[in-house]
C-alpha atoms as a PDB file:
ATOM      1  CA  UNK A   1     -33.785 -19.694 -30.792  1.00  0.00           C
ATOM      2  CA  UNK A   2     -36.259 -20.301 -33.625  1.00  0.00           C
ATOM      3  CA  UNK A   3     -37.463 -23.562 -32.107  1.00  0.00           C
ATOM      4  CA  UNK A   4     -40.960 -23.901 -30.604  1.00  0.00           C
ATOM      5  CA  UNK A   5     -41.261 -23.008 -26.925  1.00  0.00           C
ATOM      6  CA  UNK A   6     -37.894 -21.250 -26.799  1.00  0.00           C
ATOM      7  CA  UNK A   7     -39.353 -18.156 -25.119  1.00  0.00           C
ATOM      8  CA  UNK A   8     -41.472 -20.135 -22.658  1.00  0.00           C
ATOM      9  CA  UNK A   9     -38.586 -19.963 -20.164  1.00  0.00           C
ATOM     10  CA  UNK A  10     -37.938 -16.249 -20.248  1.00  0.00           C
ATOM     11  CA  UNK A  11     -34.804 -16.211 -18.048  1.00  0.00           C
ATOM     12  CA  UNK A  12     -33.047 -18.962 -20.011  1.00  0.00           C
ATOM     13  CA  UNK A  13     -34.105 -17.493 -23.361  1.00  0.00           C
ATOM     14  CA  UNK A  14     -32.798 -14.049 -22.400  1.00  0.00           C
ATOM     15  CA  UNK A  15     -29.455 -15.525 -21.383  1.00  0.00           C
ATOM     16  CA  UNK A  16     -29.122 -17.465 -24.641  1.00  0.00           C
ATOM     17  CA  UNK A  17     -30.059 -14.410 -26.708  1.00  0.00           C
ATOM     18  CA  UNK A  18     -27.450 -12.349 -24.886  1.00  0.00           C
ATOM     19  CA  UNK A  19     -24.767 -14.974 -25.518  1.00  0.00           C
ATOM     20  CA  UNK A  20     -25.716 -15.166 -29.211  1.00  0.00           C
ATOM     21  CA  UNK A  21     -25.467 -11.395 -29.519  1.00  0.00           C
ATOM     22  CA  UNK A  22     -22.016 -11.395 -27.907  1.00  0.00           C
ATOM     23  CA  UNK A  23     -20.880 -14.163 -30.261  1.00  0.00           C
ATOM     24  CA  UNK A  24     -22.180 -12.230 -33.290  1.00  0.00           C
ATOM     25  CA  UNK A  25     -20.379  -9.096 -32.109  1.00  0.00           C
ATOM     26  CA  UNK A  26     -17.138 -11.038 -31.651  1.00  0.00           C
ATOM     27  CA  UNK A  27     -17.358 -12.506 -35.152  1.00  0.00           C
ATOM     28  CA  UNK A  28     -18.130  -9.087 -36.629  1.00  0.00           C
ATOM     29  CA  UNK A  29     -15.091  -7.594 -34.885  1.00  0.00           C
ATOM     30  CA  UNK A  30     -12.900 -10.391 -36.197  1.00  0.00           C
ATOM     31  CA  UNK A  31     -14.188  -9.856 -39.740  1.00  0.00           C
ATOM     32  CA  UNK A  32     -13.506  -6.100 -39.506  1.00  0.00           C
ATOM     33  CA  UNK A  33      -9.992  -6.717 -38.156  1.00  0.00           C
ATOM     34  CA  UNK A  34      -9.288  -9.260 -40.901  1.00  0.00           C
ATOM     35  CA  UNK A  35     -10.453  -6.828 -43.598  1.00  0.00           C
ATOM     36  CA  UNK A  36      -8.353  -4.046 -42.056  1.00  0.00           C
ATOM     37  CA  UNK A  37      -5.271  -6.284 -42.031  1.00  0.00           C
ATOM     38  CA  UNK A  38      -5.761  -7.147 -45.718  1.00  0.00           C
ATOM     39  CA  UNK A  39      -6.057  -3.464 -46.591  1.00  0.00           C
ATOM     40  CA  UNK A  40      -2.993  -2.539 -44.530  1.00  0.00           C
ATOM     41  CA  UNK A  41      -0.966  -5.279 -46.243  1.00  0.00           C
ATOM     42  CA  UNK A  42      -2.007  -4.038 -49.696  1.00  0.00           C
ATOM     43  CA  UNK A  43      -1.297  -0.382 -48.916  1.00  0.00           C
ATOM     44  CA  UNK A  44       2.059  -1.276 -47.377  1.00  0.00           C
ATOM     45  CA  UNK A  45       3.124  -3.161 -50.489  1.00  0.00           C
ATOM     46  CA  UNK A  46       2.020  -0.271 -52.712  1.00  0.00           C
ATOM     47  CA  UNK A  47       3.871   2.280 -50.546  1.00  0.00           C
ATOM     48  CA  UNK A  48       7.068   0.243 -50.705  1.00  0.00           C
ATOM     49  CA  UNK A  49       6.795  -0.160 -54.463  1.00  0.00           C
ATOM     50  CA  UNK A  50       6.231   3.579 -54.969  1.00  0.00           C
ATOM     51  CA  UNK A  51       8.811   4.599 -52.377  1.00  0.00           C
ATOM     52  CA  UNK A  52       6.180   6.791 -50.683  1.00  0.00           C
ATOM     53  CA  UNK A  53       7.488   7.395 -47.149  1.00  0.00           C
ATOM     54  CA  UNK A  54       4.461   9.465 -46.089  1.00  0.00           C
ATOM     55  CA  UNK A  55       2.060   6.694 -47.086  1.00  0.00           C
ATOM     56  CA  UNK A  56       4.272   4.100 -45.382  1.00  0.00           C
ATOM     57  CA  UNK A  57       4.153   6.122 -42.153  1.00  0.00           C
ATOM     58  CA  UNK A  58       0.351   6.363 -42.412  1.00  0.00           C
ATOM     59  CA  UNK A  59       0.073   2.603 -42.901  1.00  0.00           C
ATOM     60  CA  UNK A  60       2.347   2.050 -39.897  1.00  0.00           C
ATOM     61  CA  UNK A  61       0.020   4.115 -37.713  1.00  0.00           C
ATOM     62  CA  UNK A  62      -2.970   2.087 -38.895  1.00  0.00           C
ATOM     63  CA  UNK A  63      -1.088  -1.113 -38.121  1.00  0.00           C
ATOM     64  CA  UNK A  64      -0.363   0.125 -34.584  1.00  0.00           C
ATOM     65  CA  UNK A  65      -4.050   0.928 -34.009  1.00  0.00           C
ATOM     66  CA  UNK A  66      -5.050  -2.498 -35.319  1.00  0.00           C
ATOM     67  CA  UNK A  67      -2.490  -4.179 -33.075  1.00  0.00           C
ATOM     68  CA  UNK A  68      -3.895  -2.397 -30.011  1.00  0.00           C
ATOM     69  CA  UNK A  69      -7.477  -3.303 -30.972  1.00  0.00           C
ATOM     70  CA  UNK A  70      -6.525  -6.969 -31.439  1.00  0.00           C
ATOM     71  CA  UNK A  71      -4.765  -6.937 -28.105  1.00  0.00           C
ATOM     72  CA  UNK A  72      -7.921  -5.764 -26.313  1.00  0.00           C
ATOM     73  CA  UNK A  73      -9.994  -8.269 -28.302  1.00  0.00           C
ATOM     74  CA  UNK A  74      -7.613 -11.072 -27.346  1.00  0.00           C
ATOM     75  CA  UNK A  75      -8.073 -10.193 -23.665  1.00  0.00           C
ATOM     76  CA  UNK A  76     -11.864 -10.338 -24.031  1.00  0.00           C
ATOM     77  CA  UNK A  77     -11.702 -13.816 -25.586  1.00  0.00           C
ATOM     78  CA  UNK A  78     -10.088 -15.104 -22.383  1.00  0.00           C
ATOM     79  CA  UNK A  79     -12.935 -14.004 -20.099  1.00  0.00           C
ATOM     80  CA  UNK A  80     -14.847 -17.002 -18.797  1.00  0.00           C
ATOM     81  CA  UNK A  81     -16.261 -15.691 -15.500  1.00  0.00           C
ATOM     82  CA  UNK A  82     -20.004 -15.655 -14.919  1.00  0.00           C
ATOM     83  CA  UNK A  83     -20.184 -11.859 -14.784  1.00  0.00           C
ATOM     84  CA  UNK A  84     -17.143 -10.893 -16.873  1.00  0.00           C
ATOM     85  CA  UNK A  85     -19.325  -9.523 -19.678  1.00  0.00           C
ATOM     86  CA  UNK A  86     -21.337  -7.351 -17.274  1.00  0.00           C
ATOM     87  CA  UNK A  87     -21.268  -3.667 -16.494  1.00  0.00           C
ATOM     88  CA  UNK A  88     -19.807  -2.776 -13.104  1.00  0.00           C
ATOM     89  CA  UNK A  89     -19.501  -0.261 -10.293  1.00  0.00           C
ATOM     90  CA  UNK A  90     -15.983   0.912  -9.484  1.00  0.00           C
ATOM     91  CA  UNK A  91     -15.430   2.666  -6.136  1.00  0.00           C
ATOM     92  CA  UNK A  92     -12.323   4.543  -5.005  1.00  0.00           C
ATOM     93  CA  UNK A  93     -11.655   5.334  -1.341  1.00  0.00           C
ATOM     94  CA  UNK A  94      -8.704   7.355  -0.082  1.00  0.00           C
ATOM     95  CA  UNK A  95      -6.716   5.610   2.644  1.00  0.00           C
ATOM     96  CA  UNK A  96      -3.995   6.599   5.081  1.00  0.00           C
ATOM     97  CA  UNK A  97      -2.046   9.666   4.037  1.00  0.00           C
ATOM     98  CA  UNK A  98      -4.390  12.632   4.496  1.00  0.00           C
ATOM     99  CA  UNK A  99      -4.452  15.165   1.665  1.00  0.00           C
ATOM    100  CA  UNK A 100      -1.902  13.210  -0.348  1.00  0.00           C
ATOM    101  CA  UNK A 101      -4.100  10.111  -0.341  1.00  0.00           C
ATOM    102  CA  UNK A 102      -7.153  12.155  -1.296  1.00  0.00           C
ATOM    103  CA  UNK A 103      -5.187  13.628  -4.186  1.00  0.00           C
ATOM    104  CA  UNK A 104      -4.046  10.099  -5.097  1.00  0.00           C
ATOM    105  CA  UNK A 105      -7.677   8.942  -5.144  1.00  0.00           C
ATOM    106  CA  UNK A 106      -8.456  11.683  -7.652  1.00  0.00           C
ATOM    107  CA  UNK A 107      -5.445  10.659  -9.771  1.00  0.00           C
ATOM    108  CA  UNK A 108      -6.823   7.096  -9.832  1.00  0.00           C
ATOM    109  CA  UNK A 109     -10.231   8.463 -10.838  1.00  0.00           C
ATOM    110  CA  UNK A 110      -8.619  10.127 -13.845  1.00  0.00           C
ATOM    111  CA  UNK A 111      -6.611   6.974 -14.651  1.00  0.00           C
ATOM    112  CA  UNK A 112      -9.690   4.756 -14.744  1.00  0.00           C
ATOM    113  CA  UNK A 113     -11.627   7.412 -16.656  1.00  0.00           C
ATOM    114  CA  UNK A 114      -8.931   7.424 -19.332  1.00  0.00           C
ATOM    115  CA  UNK A 115      -8.880   3.600 -19.372  1.00  0.00           C
ATOM    116  CA  UNK A 116     -12.635   3.569 -19.973  1.00  0.00           C
ATOM    117  CA  UNK A 117     -12.199   6.026 -22.852  1.00  0.00           C
ATOM    118  CA  UNK A 118      -9.533   3.799 -24.408  1.00  0.00           C
ATOM    119  CA  UNK A 119     -11.785   0.753 -24.127  1.00  0.00           C
ATOM    120  CA  UNK A 120     -14.928   2.486 -25.358  1.00  0.00           C
ATOM    121  CA  UNK A 121     -16.705   2.128 -22.011  1.00  0.00           C
ATOM    122  CA  UNK A 122     -19.177   4.722 -20.735  1.00  0.00           C
ATOM    123  CA  UNK A 123     -18.233   5.824 -17.199  1.00  0.00           C
ATOM    124  CA  UNK A 124     -20.724   7.844 -15.147  1.00  0.00           C
ATOM    125  CA  UNK A 125     -19.862   9.279 -11.738  1.00  0.00           C
ATOM    126  CA  UNK A 126     -22.673   8.404  -9.329  1.00  0.00           C
ATOM    127  CA  UNK A 127     -21.234  10.216  -6.307  1.00  0.00           C
ATOM    128  CA  UNK A 128     -18.076  11.899  -5.075  1.00  0.00           C
ATOM    129  CA  UNK A 129     -17.010  13.226  -1.681  1.00  0.00           C
ATOM    130  CA  UNK A 130     -14.425  16.019  -2.071  1.00  0.00           C
ATOM    131  CA  UNK A 131     -11.253  16.013  -0.010  1.00  0.00           C
ATOM    132  CA  UNK A 132     -10.591  18.413   2.829  1.00  0.00           C
ATOM    133  CA  UNK A 133      -8.001  20.429   0.885  1.00  0.00           C
ATOM    134  CA  UNK A 134      -7.664  18.710  -2.475  1.00  0.00           C
ATOM    135  CA  UNK A 135      -8.668  15.530  -4.249  1.00  0.00           C
ATOM    136  CA  UNK A 136     -11.533  13.258  -3.194  1.00  0.00           C
ATOM    137  CA  UNK A 137     -12.271  11.081  -0.188  1.00  0.00           C
ATOM    138  CA  UNK A 138     -14.384   8.633  -2.190  1.00  0.00           C
ATOM    139  CA  UNK A 139     -16.244   8.197  -5.451  1.00  0.00           C
ATOM    140  CA  UNK A 140     -18.265   5.583  -7.323  1.00  0.00           C
ATOM    141  CA  UNK A 141     -18.333   5.129 -11.095  1.00  0.00           C
ATOM    142  CA  UNK A 142     -20.890   3.172 -13.070  1.00  0.00           C
ATOM    143  CA  UNK A 143     -18.995   1.619 -15.996  1.00  0.00           C
ATOM    144  CA  UNK A 144     -21.013   0.322 -18.946  1.00  0.00           C
ATOM    145  CA  UNK A 145     -19.613  -1.678 -21.832  1.00  0.00           C
ATOM    146  CA  UNK A 146     -18.932  -5.201 -23.060  1.00  0.00           C
ATOM    147  CA  UNK A 147     -16.672  -6.945 -20.534  1.00  0.00           C
ATOM    148  CA  UNK A 148     -16.390  -3.902 -18.291  1.00  0.00           C
ATOM    149  CA  UNK A 149     -16.322  -6.075 -15.166  1.00  0.00           C
ATOM    150  CA  UNK A 150     -13.950  -8.605 -16.718  1.00  0.00           C
ATOM    151  CA  UNK A 151     -11.437  -5.878 -17.523  1.00  0.00           C
ATOM    152  CA  UNK A 152     -11.663  -4.111 -14.182  1.00  0.00           C
ATOM    153  CA  UNK A 153     -12.255  -6.879 -11.616  1.00  0.00           C
ATOM    154  CA  UNK A 154      -8.543  -7.504 -11.013  1.00  0.00           C
ATOM    155  CA  UNK A 155      -8.026  -3.816 -10.232  1.00  0.00           C
ATOM    156  CA  UNK A 156      -9.735  -4.329  -6.865  1.00  0.00           C
ATOM    157  CA  UNK A 157      -7.372  -3.899  -3.931  1.00  0.00           C
ATOM    158  CA  UNK A 158      -5.028  -1.339  -2.403  1.00  0.00           C
ATOM    159  CA  UNK A 159      -2.987   0.910  -4.690  1.00  0.00           C
ATOM    160  CA  UNK A 160       0.136   2.595  -3.260  1.00  0.00           C
ATOM    161  CA  UNK A 161       1.746   5.842  -4.441  1.00  0.00           C
ATOM    162  CA  UNK A 162       5.254   7.063  -3.533  1.00  0.00           C
ATOM    163  CA  UNK A 163       6.185  10.615  -4.537  1.00  0.00           C
ATOM    164  CA  UNK A 164       7.476  13.998  -3.379  1.00  0.00           C
ATOM    165  CA  UNK A 165       4.399  15.543  -1.804  1.00  0.00           C
ATOM    166  CA  UNK A 166       3.138  18.773  -3.401  1.00  0.00           C
ATOM    167  CA  UNK A 167       1.296  19.426  -0.117  1.00  0.00           C
ATOM    168  CA  UNK A 168       4.385  19.240   2.110  1.00  0.00           C
ATOM    169  CA  UNK A 169       6.172  22.569   2.580  1.00  0.00           C
ATOM    170  CA  UNK A 170       9.451  20.662   2.958  1.00  0.00           C
ATOM    171  CA  UNK A 171       8.700  18.713  -0.242  1.00  0.00           C
ATOM    172  CA  UNK A 172       9.423  15.388   1.447  1.00  0.00           C
ATOM    173  CA  UNK A 173       8.627  11.967   0.064  1.00  0.00           C
ATOM    174  CA  UNK A 174       5.197  10.629   1.080  1.00  0.00           C
ATOM    175  CA  UNK A 175       3.454   7.271   0.693  1.00  0.00           C
ATOM    176  CA  UNK A 176      -0.277   7.340  -0.039  1.00  0.00           C
ATOM    177  CA  UNK A 177      -2.898   4.620  -0.298  1.00  0.00           C
ATOM    178  CA  UNK A 178      -6.275   4.256  -1.976  1.00  0.00           C
ATOM    179  CA  UNK A 179      -8.555   1.207  -2.162  1.00  0.00           C
ATOM    180  CA  UNK A 180     -10.481   0.096  -5.240  1.00  0.00           C
ATOM    181  CA  UNK A 181     -13.588  -2.106  -5.173  1.00  0.00           C
ATOM    182  CA  UNK A 182     -15.252  -3.447  -8.317  1.00  0.00           C
ATOM    183  CA  UNK A 183     -18.774  -4.891  -8.251  1.00  0.00           C
ATOM    184  CA  UNK A 184     -20.583  -6.487 -11.224  1.00  0.00           C
ATOM    185  CA  UNK A 185     -24.021  -5.246 -12.209  1.00  0.00           C
ATOM    186  CA  UNK A 186     -26.329  -8.254 -12.309  1.00  0.00           C
ATOM    187  CA  UNK A 187     -29.855  -8.433 -13.693  1.00  0.00           C
ATOM    188  CA  UNK A 188     -31.200 -10.614 -10.916  1.00  0.00           C
ATOM    189  CA  UNK A 189     -31.911  -9.404  -7.385  1.00  0.00           C
ATOM    190  CA  UNK A 190     -30.307 -11.979  -5.082  1.00  0.00           C
ATOM    191  CA  UNK A 191     -30.963 -10.220  -1.790  1.00  0.00           C
ATOM    192  CA  UNK A 192     -34.257  -9.408  -0.108  1.00  0.00           C
ATOM    193  CA  UNK A 193     -33.801  -6.245   1.924  1.00  0.00           C
ATOM    194  CA  UNK A 194     -35.720  -5.516   5.113  1.00  0.00           C
ATOM    195  CA  UNK A 195     -36.479  -1.773   5.269  1.00  0.00           C
ATOM    196  CA  UNK A 196     -35.630  -1.899   8.996  1.00  0.00           C
ATOM    197  CA  UNK A 197     -32.057  -2.811   8.053  1.00  0.00           C
ATOM    198  CA  UNK A 198     -31.601   0.342   5.986  1.00  0.00           C
ATOM    199  CA  UNK A 199     -30.611   3.835   7.089  1.00  0.00           C
ATOM    200  CA  UNK A 200     -31.380   6.385   4.387  1.00  0.00           C
ATOM    201  CA  UNK A 201     -29.761   9.815   4.652  1.00  0.00           C
ATOM    202  CA  UNK A 202     -30.272  12.778   2.356  1.00  0.00           C
ATOM    203  CA  UNK A 203     -27.741  15.542   1.972  1.00  0.00           C
ATOM    204  CA  UNK A 204     -26.677  18.332  -0.323  1.00  0.00           C
ATOM    205  CA  UNK A 205     -24.113  17.456  -2.949  1.00  0.00           C
ATOM    206  CA  UNK A 206     -20.774  19.162  -2.582  1.00  0.00           C
ATOM    207  CA  UNK A 207     -18.071  19.723  -5.120  1.00  0.00           C
ATOM    208  CA  UNK A 208     -16.308  22.209  -7.315  1.00  0.00           C
ATOM    209  CA  UNK A 209     -19.533  23.348  -8.954  1.00  0.00           C
ATOM    210  CA  UNK A 210     -21.005  22.945 -12.397  1.00  0.00           C
ATOM    211  CA  UNK A 211     -24.307  22.048 -13.992  1.00  0.00           C
ATOM    212  CA  UNK A 212     -24.509  18.608 -12.334  1.00  0.00           C
ATOM    213  CA  UNK A 213     -24.227  19.818  -8.730  1.00  0.00           C
ATOM    214  CA  UNK A 214     -27.527  19.657  -6.886  1.00  0.00           C
ATOM    215  CA  UNK A 215     -28.926  22.817  -5.348  1.00  0.00           C
ATOM    216  CA  UNK A 216     -31.305  20.919  -3.045  1.00  0.00           C
ATOM    217  CA  UNK A 217     -30.806  18.119  -0.519  1.00  0.00           C
ATOM    218  CA  UNK A 218     -31.453  15.475  -3.176  1.00  0.00           C
ATOM    219  CA  UNK A 219     -28.320  13.334  -2.767  1.00  0.00           C
ATOM    220  CA  UNK A 220     -29.012   9.992  -1.082  1.00  0.00           C
ATOM    221  CA  UNK A 221     -26.821   7.700   1.004  1.00  0.00           C
ATOM    222  CA  UNK A 222     -28.143   4.248   1.980  1.00  0.00           C
ATOM    223  CA  UNK A 223     -26.443   2.174   4.674  1.00  0.00           C
ATOM    224  CA  UNK A 224     -27.174  -1.521   5.127  1.00  0.00           C
ATOM    225  CA  UNK A 225     -26.852  -1.778   8.901  1.00  0.00           C
ATOM    226  CA  UNK A 226     -26.138  -5.539   9.255  1.00  0.00           C
ATOM    227  CA  UNK A 227     -23.151  -5.428   6.876  1.00  0.00           C
ATOM    228  CA  UNK A 228     -22.135  -1.773   6.987  1.00  0.00           C
ATOM    229  CA  UNK A 229     -22.218  -1.550   3.188  1.00  0.00           C
ATOM    230  CA  UNK A 230     -22.927   1.939   1.888  1.00  0.00           C
ATOM    231  CA  UNK A 231     -24.241   3.130  -1.484  1.00  0.00           C
ATOM    232  CA  UNK A 232     -24.652   6.771  -2.516  1.00  0.00           C
ATOM    233  CA  UNK A 233     -25.851   8.702  -5.522  1.00  0.00           C
ATOM    234  CA  UNK A 234     -25.917  12.426  -6.181  1.00  0.00           C
ATOM    235  CA  UNK A 235     -25.790  12.880  -9.939  1.00  0.00           C
ATOM    236  CA  UNK A 236     -29.513  12.479 -10.701  1.00  0.00           C
ATOM    237  CA  UNK A 237     -31.852  15.456 -10.680  1.00  0.00           C
ATOM    238  CA  UNK A 238     -34.303  14.208  -8.087  1.00  0.00           C
ATOM    239  CA  UNK A 239     -34.093  12.530  -4.709  1.00  0.00           C
ATOM    240  CA  UNK A 240     -36.296   9.699  -5.989  1.00  0.00           C
ATOM    241  CA  UNK A 241     -33.918   8.967  -8.888  1.00  0.00           C
ATOM    242  CA  UNK A 242     -30.873   9.126  -6.617  1.00  0.00           C
ATOM    243  CA  UNK A 243     -32.504   6.709  -4.167  1.00  0.00           C
ATOM    244  CA  UNK A 244     -33.355   4.243  -6.951  1.00  0.00           C
ATOM    245  CA  UNK A 245     -29.779   4.320  -8.278  1.00  0.00           C
ATOM    246  CA  UNK A 246     -28.299   3.952  -4.788  1.00  0.00           C
ATOM    247  CA  UNK A 247     -30.554   0.928  -4.178  1.00  0.00           C
ATOM    248  CA  UNK A 248     -29.294  -0.705  -7.392  1.00  0.00           C
ATOM    249  CA  UNK A 249     -25.710  -0.172  -6.271  1.00  0.00           C
ATOM    250  CA  UNK A 250     -26.487  -1.568  -2.801  1.00  0.00           C
ATOM    251  CA  UNK A 251     -28.163  -4.666  -4.268  1.00  0.00           C
ATOM    252  CA  UNK A 252     -25.098  -5.268  -6.455  1.00  0.00           C
ATOM    253  CA  UNK A 253     -22.726  -4.874  -3.499  1.00  0.00           C
ATOM    254  CA  UNK A 254     -24.738  -7.259  -1.328  1.00  0.00           C
ATOM    255  CA  UNK A 255     -24.981  -9.841  -4.121  1.00  0.00           C
ATOM    256  CA  UNK A 256     -21.217  -9.602  -4.633  1.00  0.00           C
ATOM    257  CA  UNK A 257     -20.640  -9.996  -0.885  1.00  0.00           C
ATOM    258  CA  UNK A 258     -22.731 -13.188  -0.860  1.00  0.00           C
ATOM    259  CA  UNK A 259     -20.781 -14.614  -3.807  1.00  0.00           C
ATOM    260  CA  UNK A 260     -17.477 -13.877  -2.077  1.00  0.00           C
ATOM    261  CA  UNK A 261     -18.655 -15.423   1.180  1.00  0.00           C
ATOM    262  CA  UNK A 262     -19.653 -18.606  -0.665  1.00  0.00           C
ATOM    263  CA  UNK A 263     -16.255 -18.723  -2.377  1.00  0.00           C
ATOM    264  CA  UNK A 264     -14.427 -18.213   0.922  1.00  0.00           C
ATOM    265  CA  UNK A 265     -16.499 -20.969   2.547  1.00  0.00           C
ATOM    266  CA  UNK A 266     -15.594 -23.306  -0.316  1.00  0.00           C
ATOM    267  CA  UNK A 267     -11.892 -22.498   0.099  1.00  0.00           C
ATOM    268  CA  UNK A 268     -12.159 -23.169   3.838  1.00  0.00           C
ATOM    269  CA  UNK A 269     -13.543 -26.614   3.056  1.00  0.00           C
ATOM    270  CA  UNK A 270     -10.582 -27.145   0.704  1.00  0.00           C
ATOM    271  CA  UNK A 271      -8.154 -26.118   3.444  1.00  0.00           C
ATOM    272  CA  UNK A 272      -7.135 -22.899   1.663  1.00  0.00           C
ATOM    273  CA  UNK A 273      -6.902 -19.382   3.018  1.00  0.00           C
ATOM    274  CA  UNK A 274      -7.588 -16.134   1.199  1.00  0.00           C
ATOM    275  CA  UNK A 275      -5.858 -12.858   1.877  1.00  0.00           C
ATOM    276  CA  UNK A 276      -8.169  -9.982   2.649  1.00  0.00           C
ATOM    277  CA  UNK A 277      -8.550  -7.974  -0.547  1.00  0.00           C
ATOM    278  CA  UNK A 278      -8.748  -4.639   1.247  1.00  0.00           C
ATOM    279  CA  UNK A 279      -5.578  -5.288   3.218  1.00  0.00           C
ATOM    280  CA  UNK A 280      -3.504  -6.432   0.259  1.00  0.00           C
ATOM    281  CA  UNK A 281      -1.303  -4.052  -1.685  1.00  0.00           C
ATOM    282  CA  UNK A 282      -1.733  -5.097  -5.278  1.00  0.00           C
ATOM    283  CA  UNK A 283       0.262  -2.399  -7.083  1.00  0.00           C
ATOM    284  CA  UNK A 284       2.802   0.337  -6.355  1.00  0.00           C
ATOM    285  CA  UNK A 285       3.284   3.523  -8.344  1.00  0.00           C
ATOM    286  CA  UNK A 286       6.677   5.073  -7.574  1.00  0.00           C
ATOM    287  CA  UNK A 287       7.343   8.602  -8.868  1.00  0.00           C
ATOM    288  CA  UNK A 288      10.424   9.319  -6.712  1.00  0.00           C
ATOM    289  CA  UNK A 289      13.373   8.641  -6.429  1.00  0.00           C
ATOM    290  CA  UNK A 290      12.828   6.619  -9.626  1.00  0.00           C
ATOM    291  CA  UNK A 291       9.789   5.954 -11.807  1.00  0.00           C
ATOM    292  CA  UNK A 292       8.218   2.510 -11.723  1.00  0.00           C
ATOM    293  CA  UNK A 293       4.800   0.869 -11.631  1.00  0.00           C
ATOM    294  CA  UNK A 294       4.893  -2.683 -10.292  1.00  0.00           C
ATOM    295  CA  UNK A 295       2.080  -5.177  -9.806  1.00  0.00           C
ATOM    296  CA  UNK A 296       2.908  -7.257  -6.733  1.00  0.00           C
ATOM    297  CA  UNK A 297       0.708 -10.199  -7.765  1.00  0.00           C
ATOM    298  CA  UNK A 298       2.255 -10.828 -11.170  1.00  0.00           C
ATOM    299  CA  UNK A 299       5.581  -8.919 -10.807  1.00  0.00           C
ATOM    300  CA  UNK A 300       4.840  -7.111 -14.095  1.00  0.00           C
ATOM    301  CA  UNK A 301       6.447  -3.674 -14.033  1.00  0.00           C
ATOM    302  CA  UNK A 302       7.047  -0.698 -16.297  1.00  0.00           C
ATOM    303  CA  UNK A 303       8.931   2.586 -16.119  1.00  0.00           C
ATOM    304  CA  UNK A 304       6.326   4.343 -18.286  1.00  0.00           C
ATOM    305  CA  UNK A 305       4.467   5.778 -15.294  1.00  0.00           C
ATOM    306  CA  UNK A 306       2.834   8.538 -17.334  1.00  0.00           C
ATOM    307  CA  UNK A 307       1.309   6.009 -19.740  1.00  0.00           C
ATOM    308  CA  UNK A 308      -0.119   3.949 -16.880  1.00  0.00           C
ATOM    309  CA  UNK A 309      -1.607   6.994 -15.172  1.00  0.00           C
ATOM    310  CA  UNK A 310      -3.083   7.901 -18.554  1.00  0.00           C
ATOM    311  CA  UNK A 311      -5.010   4.609 -18.601  1.00  0.00           C
ATOM    312  CA  UNK A 312      -2.598   2.077 -20.159  1.00  0.00           C
ATOM    313  CA  UNK A 313      -3.616  -0.872 -17.974  1.00  0.00           C
ATOM    314  CA  UNK A 314      -3.836  -3.741 -20.473  1.00  0.00           C
ATOM    315  CA  UNK A 315      -0.380  -5.191 -19.620  1.00  0.00           C
ATOM    316  CA  UNK A 316      -1.466  -5.619 -15.990  1.00  0.00           C
ATOM    317  CA  UNK A 317      -4.865  -7.036 -16.982  1.00  0.00           C
ATOM    318  CA  UNK A 318      -3.234  -9.563 -19.328  1.00  0.00           C
ATOM    319  CA  UNK A 319      -0.736 -10.628 -16.657  1.00  0.00           C
ATOM    320  CA  UNK A 320      -3.497 -11.179 -14.087  1.00  0.00           C
ATOM    321  CA  UNK A 321      -5.420 -13.323 -16.549  1.00  0.00           C
ATOM    322  CA  UNK A 322      -2.335 -15.422 -17.261  1.00  0.00           C
ATOM    323  CA  UNK A 323      -1.583 -15.886 -13.561  1.00  0.00           C
ATOM    324  CA  UNK A 324      -5.186 -16.985 -12.992  1.00  0.00           C
ATOM    325  CA  UNK A 325      -4.760 -19.735 -15.545  1.00  0.00           C
ATOM    326  CA  UNK A 326      -6.963 -18.201 -18.228  1.00  0.00           C
ATOM    327  CA  UNK A 327      -4.363 -16.635 -20.490  1.00  0.00           C
ATOM    328  CA  UNK A 328      -5.502 -15.113 -23.791  1.00  0.00           C
ATOM    329  CA  UNK A 329      -5.393 -17.496 -26.763  1.00  0.00           C
END
């Protein structure tokens, strides 16, 4: 980076600088973890020698926190995708199942919100369409943080819930569906948009109320007519800001669509077929008659449903990475 002419090629220089910064951050995290492990080892030995059970319990808690941090760090070290280190947009859409599916979509919103908190990601809700009776029909989150896309990309697909419905007077068992899409945020604009291909609608935000609900028709929904892709934003204070954010989301969705189409074309040339992501059921969450969360791609399962719904997704992320041939080292 200190060599002459390094900044002459701005795009390449920016990419190198970003990679250097990520490498420095990774080394700093490793140094902090190593120092923490040394301190835990020393305190543990001292607690054993003194017979101090309270101190031993405190050291055990620190060891558990360090173990969880190293686990997340280990996952990050396995990310090799072009956009794995990027921020992302995560969208949730309720599927078949009426009110139950809309409630399920809101449960997933909370689950991913808690996951982001655990990982130190910043999640901002760009838009949300409330359900007819309860829950939400759809929502889009902007997730910012190192390796946000890498952690969340394998969550894309259909998620299935089986439970006794709280909205059924007979309290019968219902099956609900919701679809997740995850799109990386990229710096480059890969798609030139013709204004004639866009339908821009403005509307008044709706929701349960609060300081972030617009009182004017400032929410914006942009539809790309040739592809049917839709991007919305309602959390900004002006229509201009909402339109700019919605355009960024639309650009990211179109760029992601182009990448997927290229990949599918390549697989066709190889004689392979790819299952439609939106039609595939990637994970089931069963709350009745037993409790189980099972990922159908990796066959990883757990009976700790409450932990999963509270954002404990790392076991599924790790399993997907291993099945893709890029297991953590």
